Structures are given as structure tokens and as C-alpha cells.
Amino acid sequence: MGAAELIVYTRPGCPFCTSLRAGLRRQGLEYRDVDIWQEQDAAAVVRSIADGNETVPTVVLGDWTAVNPSAGQVLDAVREHAPELLPDRKPGPVEGTLNALGLKRDR
């Protein structure tokens, strides 16, 4: 079995997806963003998890799945199921804000 991967299924224009991604970046969590409108099998994966609906964000971490979770719920799942994905340290307020905006701070 390969290393655990945090996958967030999204679609363009989804405010819940934007909020979740910002929250995950604020926590320093790395994830793979999968657009269900661009990747052929992604919508089918989401439908299999979300009772036949294409509800996003849908998150997969190994056997753990969640439909429209909060960043806190995802962080708890990472702690429980894949602690190796946790950042070495939690970003400080400035770094967390820059991360949430998709910006990287030069050191």
C-alpha cells in the first residue's frame, strides 16, 4: 500500500470548496485538488460517496471519506488516519493567512 494521500474533490465556483481549501492551507495541510468537471472518473467517485450526488467538496483519505466537511474535521481525520501528513509545525497567523490565499512566504 502506498503512502496516504489527502484528496479534495471540487468544482469551479463552489464557495464551500474555496472555504475548505483555504482552511486546509491555513493549517499547513497538503492535499491533491481534483476538479470533478475536468477529471473523467472524479464525478463517479464523488457520486459513489455522496449517495449518487455530485456534492463537493468531498474528501478522501484512505478509507475515510466525508462530504462537505469542515477543515477541522479533515484535520482530525488526518491526525487519526494519516498523521504523517501533518505539517512539522502549524503555520503562524501570517504564514497561515498567506497559505490560505495561496501565497508562499519567502524565508
PDB file of N, CA and C in Angstrom:
ATOM      1  N   MET A   1       0.851  -1.180   0.000  1.00  0.00           N
ATOM      2  CA  MET A   1       0.000   0.000   0.000  1.00  0.00           C
ATOM      3  C   MET A   1       0.892   1.237   0.000  1.00  0.00           C
ATOM      4  N   GLY A   2       0.540   2.233  -0.821  1.00  0.00           N
ATOM      5  CA  GLY A   2       1.330   3.456  -0.920  1.00  0.00           C
ATOM      6  C   GLY A   2       1.065   4.390   0.247  1.00  0.00           C
ATOM      7  N   ALA A   3       1.764   5.481   0.216  1.00  0.00           N
ATOM      8  CA  ALA A   3       1.595   6.489   1.267  1.00  0.00           C
ATOM      9  C   ALA A   3       0.198   7.080   1.185  1.00  0.00           C
ATOM     10  N   ALA A   4      -0.309   7.487   2.344  1.00  0.00           N
ATOM     11  CA  ALA A   4      -1.638   8.108   2.403  1.00  0.00           C
ATOM     12  C   ALA A   4      -1.633   9.407   1.609  1.00  0.00           C
ATOM     13  N   GLU A   5      -2.778   9.704   1.008  1.00  0.00           N
ATOM     14  CA  GLU A   5      -2.924  10.945   0.258  1.00  0.00           C
ATOM     15  C   GLU A   5      -4.268  11.568   0.614  1.00  0.00           C
ATOM     16  N   LEU A   6      -4.254  12.864   0.842  1.00  0.00           N
ATOM     17  CA  LEU A   6      -5.469  13.625   1.118  1.00  0.00           C
ATOM     18  C   LEU A   6      -5.960  14.183  -0.213  1.00  0.00           C
ATOM     19  N   ILE A   7      -7.168  13.777  -0.602  1.00  0.00           N
ATOM     20  CA  ILE A   7      -7.734  14.197  -1.882  1.00  0.00           C
ATOM     21  C   ILE A   7      -9.007  14.998  -1.612  1.00  0.00           C
ATOM     22  N   VAL A   8      -9.093  16.174  -2.223  1.00  0.00           N
ATOM     23  CA  VAL A   8     -10.268  17.032  -2.094  1.00  0.00           C
ATOM     24  C   VAL A   8     -10.882  17.172  -3.485  1.00  0.00           C
ATOM     25  N   TYR A   9     -12.090  16.618  -3.638  1.00  0.00           N
ATOM     26  CA  TYR A   9     -12.825  16.730  -4.897  1.00  0.00           C
ATOM     27  C   TYR A   9     -13.611  18.029  -4.871  1.00  0.00           C
ATOM     28  N   THR A  10     -13.455  18.828  -5.930  1.00  0.00           N
ATOM     29  CA  THR A  10     -14.053  20.148  -6.002  1.00  0.00           C
ATOM     30  C   THR A  10     -14.622  20.395  -7.393  1.00  0.00           C
ATOM     31  N   ARG A  11     -15.185  21.584  -7.568  1.00  0.00           N
ATOM     32  CA  ARG A  11     -15.556  22.063  -8.901  1.00  0.00           C
ATOM     33  C   ARG A  11     -15.414  23.580  -8.878  1.00  0.00           C
ATOM     34  N   PRO A  12     -15.192  24.192 -10.035  1.00  0.00           N
ATOM     35  CA  PRO A  12     -15.040  25.648 -10.086  1.00  0.00           C
ATOM     36  C   PRO A  12     -16.295  26.360  -9.589  1.00  0.00           C
ATOM     37  N   GLY A  13     -16.070  27.475  -8.898  1.00  0.00           N
ATOM     38  CA  GLY A  13     -17.177  28.303  -8.446  1.00  0.00           C
ATOM     39  C   GLY A  13     -17.851  27.856  -7.161  1.00  0.00           C
ATOM     40  N   CYS A  14     -17.388  26.779  -6.561  1.00  0.00           N
ATOM     41  CA  CYS A  14     -18.012  26.260  -5.342  1.00  0.00           C
ATOM     42  C   CYS A  14     -17.455  27.002  -4.123  1.00  0.00           C
ATOM     43  N   PRO A  15     -18.291  27.812  -3.439  1.00  0.00           N
ATOM     44  CA  PRO A  15     -17.779  28.562  -2.286  1.00  0.00           C
ATOM     45  C   PRO A  15     -17.380  27.661  -1.114  1.00  0.00           C
ATOM     46  N   PHE A  16     -18.044  26.514  -0.975  1.00  0.00           N
ATOM     47  CA  PHE A  16     -17.691  25.588   0.099  1.00  0.00           C
ATOM     48  C   PHE A  16     -16.314  24.975  -0.150  1.00  0.00           C
ATOM     49  N   CYS A  17     -16.010  24.718  -1.420  1.00  0.00           N
ATOM     50  CA  CYS A  17     -14.694  24.197  -1.798  1.00  0.00           C
ATOM     51  C   CYS A  17     -13.614  25.233  -1.508  1.00  0.00           C
ATOM     52  N   THR A  18     -13.881  26.474  -1.870  1.00  0.00           N
ATOM     53  CA  THR A  18     -12.928  27.557  -1.625  1.00  0.00           C
ATOM     54  C   THR A  18     -12.649  27.694  -0.132  1.00  0.00           C
ATOM     55  N   SER A  19     -13.696  27.635   0.669  1.00  0.00           N
ATOM     56  CA  SER A  19     -13.547  27.757   2.115  1.00  0.00           C
ATOM     57  C   SER A  19     -12.742  26.597   2.694  1.00  0.00           C
ATOM     58  N   LEU A  20     -13.050  25.378   2.278  1.00  0.00           N
ATOM     59  CA  LEU A  20     -12.322  24.215   2.793  1.00  0.00           C
ATOM     60  C   LEU A  20     -10.855  24.273   2.403  1.00  0.00           C
ATOM     61  N   ARG A  21     -10.571  24.571   1.147  1.00  0.00           N
ATOM     62  CA  ARG A  21      -9.170  24.631   0.704  1.00  0.00           C
ATOM     63  C   ARG A  21      -8.403  25.688   1.487  1.00  0.00           C
ATOM     64  N   ALA A  22      -9.020  26.848   1.717  1.00  0.00           N
ATOM     65  CA  ALA A  22      -8.352  27.899   2.492  1.00  0.00           C
ATOM     66  C   ALA A  22      -8.083  27.422   3.914  1.00  0.00           C
ATOM     67  N   GLY A  23      -9.046  26.730   4.514  1.00  0.00           N
ATOM     68  CA  GLY A  23      -8.862  26.215   5.866  1.00  0.00           C
ATOM     69  C   GLY A  23      -7.753  25.178   5.944  1.00  0.00           C
ATOM     70  N   LEU A  24      -7.672  24.312   4.955  1.00  0.00           N
ATOM     71  CA  LEU A  24      -6.607  23.299   4.932  1.00  0.00           C
ATOM     72  C   LEU A  24      -5.245  23.955   4.759  1.00  0.00           C
ATOM     73  N   ARG A  25      -5.168  24.942   3.870  1.00  0.00           N
ATOM     74  CA  ARG A  25      -3.889  25.644   3.679  1.00  0.00           C
ATOM     75  C   ARG A  25      -3.503  26.406   4.937  1.00  0.00           C
ATOM     76  N   ARG A  26      -4.488  26.986   5.609  1.00  0.00           N
ATOM     77  CA  ARG A  26      -4.216  27.716   6.852  1.00  0.00           C
ATOM     78  C   ARG A  26      -3.604  26.779   7.899  1.00  0.00           C
ATOM     79  N   GLN A  27      -4.002  25.508   7.878  1.00  0.00           N
ATOM     80  CA  GLN A  27      -3.465  24.516   8.810  1.00  0.00           C
ATOM     81  C   GLN A  27      -2.138  23.927   8.327  1.00  0.00           C
ATOM     82  N   GLY A  28      -1.748  24.274   7.112  1.00  0.00           N
ATOM     83  CA  GLY A  28      -0.495  23.762   6.564  1.00  0.00           C
ATOM     84  C   GLY A  28      -0.614  22.369   5.967  1.00  0.00           C
ATOM     85  N   LEU A  29      -1.849  21.906   5.729  1.00  0.00           N
ATOM     86  CA  LEU A  29      -2.049  20.568   5.166  1.00  0.00           C
ATOM     87  C   LEU A  29      -1.906  20.593   3.650  1.00  0.00           C
ATOM     88  N   GLU A  30      -1.195  19.635   3.134  1.00  0.00           N
ATOM     89  CA  GLU A  30      -1.067  19.479   1.684  1.00  0.00           C
ATOM     90  C   GLU A  30      -2.131  18.492   1.223  1.00  0.00           C
ATOM     91  N   TYR A  31      -2.694  18.744   0.070  1.00  0.00           N
ATOM     92  CA  TYR A  31      -3.742  17.889  -0.468  1.00  0.00           C
ATOM     93  C   TYR A  31      -3.704  17.957  -1.985  1.00  0.00           C
ATOM     94  N   ARG A  32      -4.360  16.968  -2.607  1.00  0.00           N
ATOM     95  CA  ARG A  32      -4.500  16.985  -4.069  1.00  0.00           C
ATOM     96  C   ARG A  32      -5.914  17.448  -4.375  1.00  0.00           C
ATOM     97  N   ASP A  33      -6.021  18.494  -5.149  1.00  0.00           N
ATOM     98  CA  ASP A  33      -7.294  19.083  -5.548  1.00  0.00           C
ATOM     99  C   ASP A  33      -7.708  18.444  -6.875  1.00  0.00           C
ATOM    100  N   VAL A  34      -8.882  17.821  -6.888  1.00  0.00           N
ATOM    101  CA  VAL A  34      -9.371  17.157  -8.096  1.00  0.00           C
ATOM    102  C   VAL A  34     -10.674  17.818  -8.523  1.00  0.00           C
ATOM    103  N   ASP A  35     -10.676  18.417  -9.704  1.00  0.00           N
ATOM    104  CA  ASP A  35     -11.851  19.079 -10.273  1.00  0.00           C
ATOM    105  C   ASP A  35     -12.730  18.013 -10.931  1.00  0.00           C
ATOM    106  N   ILE A  36     -13.940  17.830 -10.396  1.00  0.00           N
ATOM    107  CA  ILE A  36     -14.810  16.773 -10.919  1.00  0.00           C
ATOM    108  C   ILE A  36     -15.316  17.070 -12.328  1.00  0.00           C
ATOM    109  N   TRP A  37     -15.175  18.308 -12.779  1.00  0.00           N
ATOM    110  CA  TRP A  37     -15.577  18.641 -14.145  1.00  0.00           C
ATOM    111  C   TRP A  37     -14.437  18.422 -15.143  1.00  0.00           C
ATOM    112  N   GLN A  38     -13.227  18.251 -14.650  1.00  0.00           N
ATOM    113  CA  GLN A  38     -12.076  18.088 -15.538  1.00  0.00           C
ATOM    114  C   GLN A  38     -11.534  16.660 -15.587  1.00  0.00           C
ATOM    115  N   GLU A  39     -11.652  15.916 -14.492  1.00  0.00           N
ATOM    116  CA  GLU A  39     -11.115  14.555 -14.446  1.00  0.00           C
ATOM    117  C   GLU A  39     -12.254  13.564 -14.646  1.00  0.00           C
ATOM    118  N   GLN A  40     -12.101  12.732 -15.640  1.00  0.00           N
ATOM    119  CA  GLN A  40     -13.164  11.871 -16.127  1.00  0.00           C
ATOM    120  C   GLN A  40     -13.834  11.015 -15.043  1.00  0.00           C
ATOM    121  N   ASP A  41     -13.069  10.374 -14.187  1.00  0.00           N
ATOM    122  CA  ASP A  41     -13.650   9.467 -13.204  1.00  0.00           C
ATOM    123  C   ASP A  41     -13.984  10.137 -11.874  1.00  0.00           C
ATOM    124  N   ALA A  42     -13.612  11.386 -11.707  1.00  0.00           N
ATOM    125  CA  ALA A  42     -13.775  12.056 -10.416  1.00  0.00           C
ATOM    126  C   ALA A  42     -15.240  12.202 -10.011  1.00  0.00           C
ATOM    127  N   ALA A  43     -16.093  12.573 -10.932  1.00  0.00           N
ATOM    128  CA  ALA A  43     -17.511  12.740 -10.599  1.00  0.00           C
ATOM    129  C   ALA A  43     -18.114  11.411 -10.152  1.00  0.00           C
ATOM    130  N   ALA A  44     -17.702  10.323 -10.771  1.00  0.00           N
ATOM    131  CA  ALA A  44     -18.208   9.000 -10.372  1.00  0.00           C
ATOM    132  C   ALA A  44     -17.752   8.644  -8.967  1.00  0.00           C
ATOM    133  N   VAL A  45     -16.526   8.994  -8.617  1.00  0.00           N
ATOM    134  CA  VAL A  45     -16.033   8.748  -7.258  1.00  0.00           C
ATOM    135  C   VAL A  45     -16.892   9.517  -6.259  1.00  0.00           C
ATOM    136  N   VAL A  46     -17.140  10.793  -6.546  1.00  0.00           N
ATOM    137  CA  VAL A  46     -17.950  11.611  -5.644  1.00  0.00           C
ATOM    138  C   VAL A  46     -19.360  11.043  -5.526  1.00  0.00           C
ATOM    139  N   ARG A  47     -19.971  10.651  -6.643  1.00  0.00           N
ATOM    140  CA  ARG A  47     -21.325  10.075  -6.587  1.00  0.00           C
ATOM    141  C   ARG A  47     -21.350   8.811  -5.732  1.00  0.00           C
ATOM    142  N   SER A  48     -20.281   8.016  -5.789  1.00  0.00           N
ATOM    143  CA  SER A  48     -20.240   6.779  -5.001  1.00  0.00           C
ATOM    144  C   SER A  48     -20.165   7.058  -3.503  1.00  0.00           C
ATOM    145  N   ILE A  49     -19.674   8.211  -3.133  1.00  0.00           N
ATOM    146  CA  ILE A  49     -19.534   8.595  -1.724  1.00  0.00           C
ATOM    147  C   ILE A  49     -20.745   9.393  -1.245  1.00  0.00           C
ATOM    148  N   ALA A  50     -21.303  10.223  -2.124  1.00  0.00           N
ATOM    149  CA  ALA A  50     -22.339  11.193  -1.742  1.00  0.00           C
ATOM    150  C   ALA A  50     -23.746  10.762  -2.160  1.00  0.00           C
ATOM    151  N   ASP A  51     -24.060   9.488  -1.962  1.00  0.00           N
ATOM    152  CA  ASP A  51     -25.420   8.981  -2.229  1.00  0.00           C
ATOM    153  C   ASP A  51     -25.919   9.313  -3.624  1.00  0.00           C
ATOM    154  N   GLY A  52     -25.058   9.212  -4.618  1.00  0.00           N
ATOM    155  CA  GLY A  52     -25.451   9.444  -6.003  1.00  0.00           C
ATOM    156  C   GLY A  52     -25.399  10.892  -6.447  1.00  0.00           C
ATOM    157  N   ASN A  53     -25.046  11.797  -5.545  1.00  0.00           N
ATOM    158  CA  ASN A  53     -24.972  13.222  -5.867  1.00  0.00           C
ATOM    159  C   ASN A  53     -23.531  13.631  -6.167  1.00  0.00           C
ATOM    160  N   GLU A  54     -23.382  14.731  -6.846  1.00  0.00           N
ATOM    161  CA  GLU A  54     -22.052  15.281  -7.116  1.00  0.00           C
ATOM    162  C   GLU A  54     -21.772  16.428  -6.144  1.00  0.00           C
ATOM    163  N   THR A  55     -21.937  16.156  -4.873  1.00  0.00           N
ATOM    164  CA  THR A  55     -21.756  17.161  -3.831  1.00  0.00           C
ATOM    165  C   THR A  55     -20.272  17.347  -3.545  1.00  0.00           C
ATOM    166  N   VAL A  56     -19.835  18.589  -3.621  1.00  0.00           N
ATOM    167  CA  VAL A  56     -18.454  18.928  -3.320  1.00  0.00           C
ATOM    168  C   VAL A  56     -18.437  20.048  -2.290  1.00  0.00           C
ATOM    169  N   PRO A  57     -17.393  20.151  -1.502  1.00  0.00           N
ATOM    170  CA  PRO A  57     -16.210  19.305  -1.532  1.00  0.00           C
ATOM    171  C   PRO A  57     -16.488  17.932  -0.920  1.00  0.00           C
ATOM    172  N   THR A  58     -15.903  16.933  -1.526  1.00  0.00           N
ATOM    173  CA  THR A  58     -15.884  15.589  -0.984  1.00  0.00           C
ATOM    174  C   THR A  58     -14.414  15.257  -0.756  1.00  0.00           C
ATOM    175  N   VAL A  59     -14.115  14.708   0.413  1.00  0.00           N
ATOM    176  CA  VAL A  59     -12.723  14.458   0.797  1.00  0.00           C
ATOM    177  C   VAL A  59     -12.505  12.970   1.009  1.00  0.00           C
ATOM    178  N   VAL A  60     -11.367  12.486   0.520  1.00  0.00           N
ATOM    179  CA  VAL A  60     -10.983  11.084   0.688  1.00  0.00           C
ATOM    180  C   VAL A  60      -9.590  11.037   1.291  1.00  0.00           C
ATOM    181  N   LEU A  61      -9.463  10.221   2.328  1.00  0.00           N
ATOM    182  CA  LEU A  61      -8.180   9.968   2.973  1.00  0.00           C
ATOM    183  C   LEU A  61      -8.158   8.487   3.310  1.00  0.00           C
ATOM    184  N   GLY A  62      -7.599   7.679   2.404  1.00  0.00           N
ATOM    185  CA  GLY A  62      -7.636   6.235   2.595  1.00  0.00           C
ATOM    186  C   GLY A  62      -9.078   5.763   2.610  1.00  0.00           C
ATOM    187  N   ASP A  63      -9.484   5.076   3.689  1.00  0.00           N
ATOM    188  CA  ASP A  63     -10.858   4.577   3.812  1.00  0.00           C
ATOM    189  C   ASP A  63     -11.809   5.626   4.378  1.00  0.00           C
ATOM    190  N   TRP A  64     -11.283   6.755   4.855  1.00  0.00           N
ATOM    191  CA  TRP A  64     -12.110   7.807   5.444  1.00  0.00           C
ATOM    192  C   TRP A  64     -12.608   8.724   4.330  1.00  0.00           C
ATOM    193  N   THR A  65     -13.899   8.995   4.338  1.00  0.00           N
ATOM    194  CA  THR A  65     -14.490   9.917   3.362  1.00  0.00           C
ATOM    195  C   THR A  65     -15.438  10.865   4.081  1.00  0.00           C
ATOM    196  N   ALA A  66     -15.624  12.031   3.511  1.00  0.00           N
ATOM    197  CA  ALA A  66     -16.566  12.997   4.067  1.00  0.00           C
ATOM    198  C   ALA A  66     -17.078  13.896   2.957  1.00  0.00           C
ATOM    199  N   VAL A  67     -18.355  14.248   3.062  1.00  0.00           N
ATOM    200  CA  VAL A  67     -18.993  15.159   2.125  1.00  0.00           C
ATOM    201  C   VAL A  67     -19.182  16.492   2.842  1.00  0.00           C
ATOM    202  N   ASN A  68     -18.636  17.542   2.250  1.00  0.00           N
ATOM    203  CA  ASN A  68     -18.703  18.905   2.769  1.00  0.00           C
ATOM    204  C   ASN A  68     -18.234  19.009   4.231  1.00  0.00           C
ATOM    205  N   PRO A  69     -17.043  18.471   4.529  1.00  0.00           N
ATOM    206  CA  PRO A  69     -16.541  18.566   5.899  1.00  0.00           C
ATOM    207  C   PRO A  69     -15.928  19.941   6.163  1.00  0.00           C
ATOM    208  N   SER A  70     -15.752  20.244   7.430  1.00  0.00           N
ATOM    209  CA  SER A  70     -15.015  21.452   7.797  1.00  0.00           C
ATOM    210  C   SER A  70     -13.526  21.126   7.759  1.00  0.00           C
ATOM    211  N   ALA A  71     -12.703  22.158   7.726  1.00  0.00           N
ATOM    212  CA  ALA A  71     -11.254  21.946   7.774  1.00  0.00           C
ATOM    213  C   ALA A  71     -10.879  21.248   9.077  1.00  0.00           C
ATOM    214  N   GLY A  72     -11.572  21.572  10.166  1.00  0.00           N
ATOM    215  CA  GLY A  72     -11.304  20.922  11.450  1.00  0.00           C
ATOM    216  C   GLY A  72     -11.588  19.432  11.407  1.00  0.00           C
ATOM    217  N   GLN A  73     -12.674  19.032  10.745  1.00  0.00           N
ATOM    218  CA  GLN A  73     -12.988  17.609  10.619  1.00  0.00           C
ATOM    219  C   GLN A  73     -11.925  16.885   9.799  1.00  0.00           C
ATOM    220  N   VAL A  74     -11.448  17.528   8.740  1.00  0.00           N
ATOM    221  CA  VAL A  74     -10.395  16.920   7.922  1.00  0.00           C
ATOM    222  C   VAL A  74      -9.111  16.818   8.729  1.00  0.00           C
ATOM    223  N   LEU A  75      -8.771  17.855   9.465  1.00  0.00           N
ATOM    224  CA  LEU A  75      -7.574  17.838  10.299  1.00  0.00           C
ATOM    225  C   LEU A  75      -7.657  16.705  11.323  1.00  0.00           C
ATOM    226  N   ASP A  76      -8.809  16.523  11.954  1.00  0.00           N
ATOM    227  CA  ASP A  76      -8.991  15.420  12.902  1.00  0.00           C
ATOM    228  C   ASP A  76      -8.796  14.072  12.222  1.00  0.00           C
ATOM    229  N   ALA A  77      -9.328  13.935  11.004  1.00  0.00           N
ATOM    230  CA  ALA A  77      -9.172  12.672  10.266  1.00  0.00           C
ATOM    231  C   ALA A  77      -7.707  12.415   9.926  1.00  0.00           C
ATOM    232  N   VAL A  78      -6.986  13.467   9.541  1.00  0.00           N
ATOM    233  CA  VAL A  78      -5.557  13.309   9.243  1.00  0.00           C
ATOM    234  C   VAL A  78      -4.816  12.874  10.507  1.00  0.00           C
ATOM    235  N   ARG A  79      -5.121  13.505  11.624  1.00  0.00           N
ATOM    236  CA  ARG A  79      -4.487  13.119  12.896  1.00  0.00           C
ATOM    237  C   ARG A  79      -4.714  11.647  13.200  1.00  0.00           C
ATOM    238  N   GLU A  80      -5.938  11.166  12.944  1.00  0.00           N
ATOM    239  CA  GLU A  80      -6.287   9.791  13.275  1.00  0.00           C
ATOM    240  C   GLU A  80      -5.797   8.779  12.246  1.00  0.00           C
ATOM    241  N   HIS A  81      -5.938   9.089  10.968  1.00  0.00           N
ATOM    242  CA  HIS A  81      -5.703   8.098   9.919  1.00  0.00           C
ATOM    243  C   HIS A  81      -4.371   8.236   9.186  1.00  0.00           C
ATOM    244  N   ALA A  82      -3.788   9.430   9.189  1.00  0.00           N
ATOM    245  CA  ALA A  82      -2.543   9.640   8.439  1.00  0.00           C
ATOM    246  C   ALA A  82      -1.723  10.753   9.076  1.00  0.00           C
ATOM    247  N   PRO A  83      -1.292  10.574  10.326  1.00  0.00           N
ATOM    248  CA  PRO A  83      -0.557  11.643  10.999  1.00  0.00           C
ATOM    249  C   PRO A  83       0.731  12.043  10.286  1.00  0.00           C
ATOM    250  N   GLU A  84       1.228  11.176   9.425  1.00  0.00           N
ATOM    251  CA  GLU A  84       2.430  11.529   8.666  1.00  0.00           C
ATOM    252  C   GLU A  84       2.192  12.685   7.702  1.00  0.00           C
ATOM    253  N   LEU A  85       0.931  13.007   7.425  1.00  0.00           N
ATOM    254  CA  LEU A  85       0.608  14.127   6.542  1.00  0.00           C
ATOM    255  C   LEU A  85       0.553  15.462   7.276  1.00  0.00           C
ATOM    256  N   LEU A  86       0.600  15.428   8.600  1.00  0.00           N
ATOM    257  CA  LEU A  86       0.580  16.670   9.364  1.00  0.00           C
ATOM    258  C   LEU A  86       1.857  17.458   9.113  1.00  0.00           C
ATOM    259  N   PRO A  87       1.758  18.778   9.041  1.00  0.00           N
ATOM    260  CA  PRO A  87       2.976  19.581   8.861  1.00  0.00           C
ATOM    261  C   PRO A  87       3.865  19.455  10.096  1.00  0.00           C
ATOM    262  N   ASP A  88       5.167  19.698   9.914  1.00  0.00           N
ATOM    263  CA  ASP A  88       6.109  19.642  11.032  1.00  0.00           C
ATOM    264  C   ASP A  88       5.723  20.622  12.126  1.00  0.00           C
ATOM    265  N   ARG A  89       5.143  21.728  11.701  1.00  0.00           N
ATOM    266  CA  ARG A  89       4.680  22.723  12.662  1.00  0.00           C
ATOM    267  C   ARG A  89       3.467  23.412  12.063  1.00  0.00           C
ATOM    268  N   LYS A  90       2.612  23.918  12.943  1.00  0.00           N
ATOM    269  CA  LYS A  90       1.440  24.650  12.468  1.00  0.00           C
ATOM    270  C   LYS A  90       1.885  26.047  12.051  1.00  0.00           C
ATOM    271  N   PRO A  91       1.422  26.526  10.902  1.00  0.00           N
ATOM    272  CA  PRO A  91       1.805  27.869  10.477  1.00  0.00           C
ATOM    273  C   PRO A  91       1.331  28.919  11.475  1.00  0.00           C
ATOM    274  N   GLY A  92       2.121  29.971  11.625  1.00  0.00           N
ATOM    275  CA  GLY A  92       1.710  31.105  12.451  1.00  0.00           C
ATOM    276  C   GLY A  92       0.619  31.889  11.742  1.00  0.00           C
ATOM    277  N   PRO A  93       0.078  32.924  12.379  1.00  0.00           N
ATOM    278  CA  PRO A  93      -1.045  33.670  11.794  1.00  0.00           C
ATOM    279  C   PRO A  93      -0.748  34.274  10.429  1.00  0.00           C
ATOM    280  N   VAL A  94       0.425  34.879  10.257  1.00  0.00           N
ATOM    281  CA  VAL A  94       0.751  35.496   8.969  1.00  0.00           C
ATOM    282  C   VAL A  94       0.953  34.429   7.914  1.00  0.00           C
ATOM    283  N   GLU A  95       1.747  33.416   8.240  1.00  0.00           N
ATOM    284  CA  GLU A  95       2.005  32.338   7.286  1.00  0.00           C
ATOM    285  C   GLU A  95       0.709  31.606   6.939  1.00  0.00           C
ATOM    286  N   GLY A  96      -0.146  31.366   7.948  1.00  0.00           N
ATOM    287  CA  GLY A  96      -1.423  30.698   7.703  1.00  0.00           C
ATOM    288  C   GLY A  96      -2.315  31.501   6.777  1.00  0.00           C
ATOM    289  N   THR A  97      -2.343  32.806   6.956  1.00  0.00           N
ATOM    290  CA  THR A  97      -3.147  33.672   6.090  1.00  0.00           C
ATOM    291  C   THR A  97      -2.602  33.661   4.668  1.00  0.00           C
ATOM    292  N   LEU A  98      -1.275  33.750   4.535  1.00  0.00           N
ATOM    293  CA  LEU A  98      -0.674  33.692   3.203  1.00  0.00           C
ATOM    294  C   LEU A  98      -0.970  32.355   2.540  1.00  0.00           C
ATOM    295  N   ASN A  99      -0.868  31.270   3.305  1.00  0.00           N
ATOM    296  CA  ASN A  99      -1.201  29.942   2.770  1.00  0.00           C
ATOM    297  C   ASN A  99      -2.651  29.904   2.296  1.00  0.00           C
ATOM    298  N   ALA A 100      -3.569  30.436   3.112  1.00  0.00           N
ATOM    299  CA  ALA A 100      -4.993  30.409   2.765  1.00  0.00           C
ATOM    300  C   ALA A 100      -5.248  31.178   1.474  1.00  0.00           C
ATOM    301  N   LEU A 101      -4.458  32.192   1.232  1.00  0.00           N
ATOM    302  CA  LEU A 101      -4.593  32.972   0.000  1.00  0.00           C
ATOM    303  C   LEU A 101      -3.860  32.343  -1.171  1.00  0.00           C
ATOM    304  N   GLY A 102      -3.183  31.212  -0.914  1.00  0.00           N
ATOM    305  CA  GLY A 102      -2.434  30.537  -1.970  1.00  0.00           C
ATOM    306  C   GLY A 102      -1.100  31.183  -2.247  1.00  0.00           C
ATOM    307  N   LEU A 103      -0.596  31.957  -1.296  1.00  0.00           N
ATOM    308  CA  LEU A 103       0.696  32.633  -1.447  1.00  0.00           C
ATOM    309  C   LEU A 103       1.726  31.944  -0.582  1.00  0.00           C
ATOM    310  N   LYS A 104       2.957  31.948  -1.005  1.00  0.00           N
ATOM    311  CA  LYS A 104       4.042  31.381  -0.204  1.00  0.00           C
ATOM    312  C   LYS A 104       4.923  32.510   0.266  1.00  0.00           C
ATOM    313  N   ARG A 105       5.323  32.411   1.506  1.00  0.00           N
ATOM    314  CA  ARG A 105       6.188  33.428   2.088  1.00  0.00           C
ATOM    315  C   ARG A 105       7.639  33.019   1.898  1.00  0.00           C
ATOM    316  N   ASP A 106       8.438  33.917   1.338  1.00  0.00           N
ATOM    317  CA  ASP A 106       9.863  33.639   1.176  1.00  0.00           C
ATOM    318  C   ASP A 106      10.548  33.727   2.527  1.00  0.00           C
ATOM    319  N   ARG A 107      11.467  32.814   2.763  1.00  0.00           N
ATOM    320  CA  ARG A 107      12.195  32.818   4.031  1.00  0.00           C
ATOM    321  C   ARG A 107      13.606  33.250   3.802  1.00  0.00           C
TER     322      ARG A 107
END
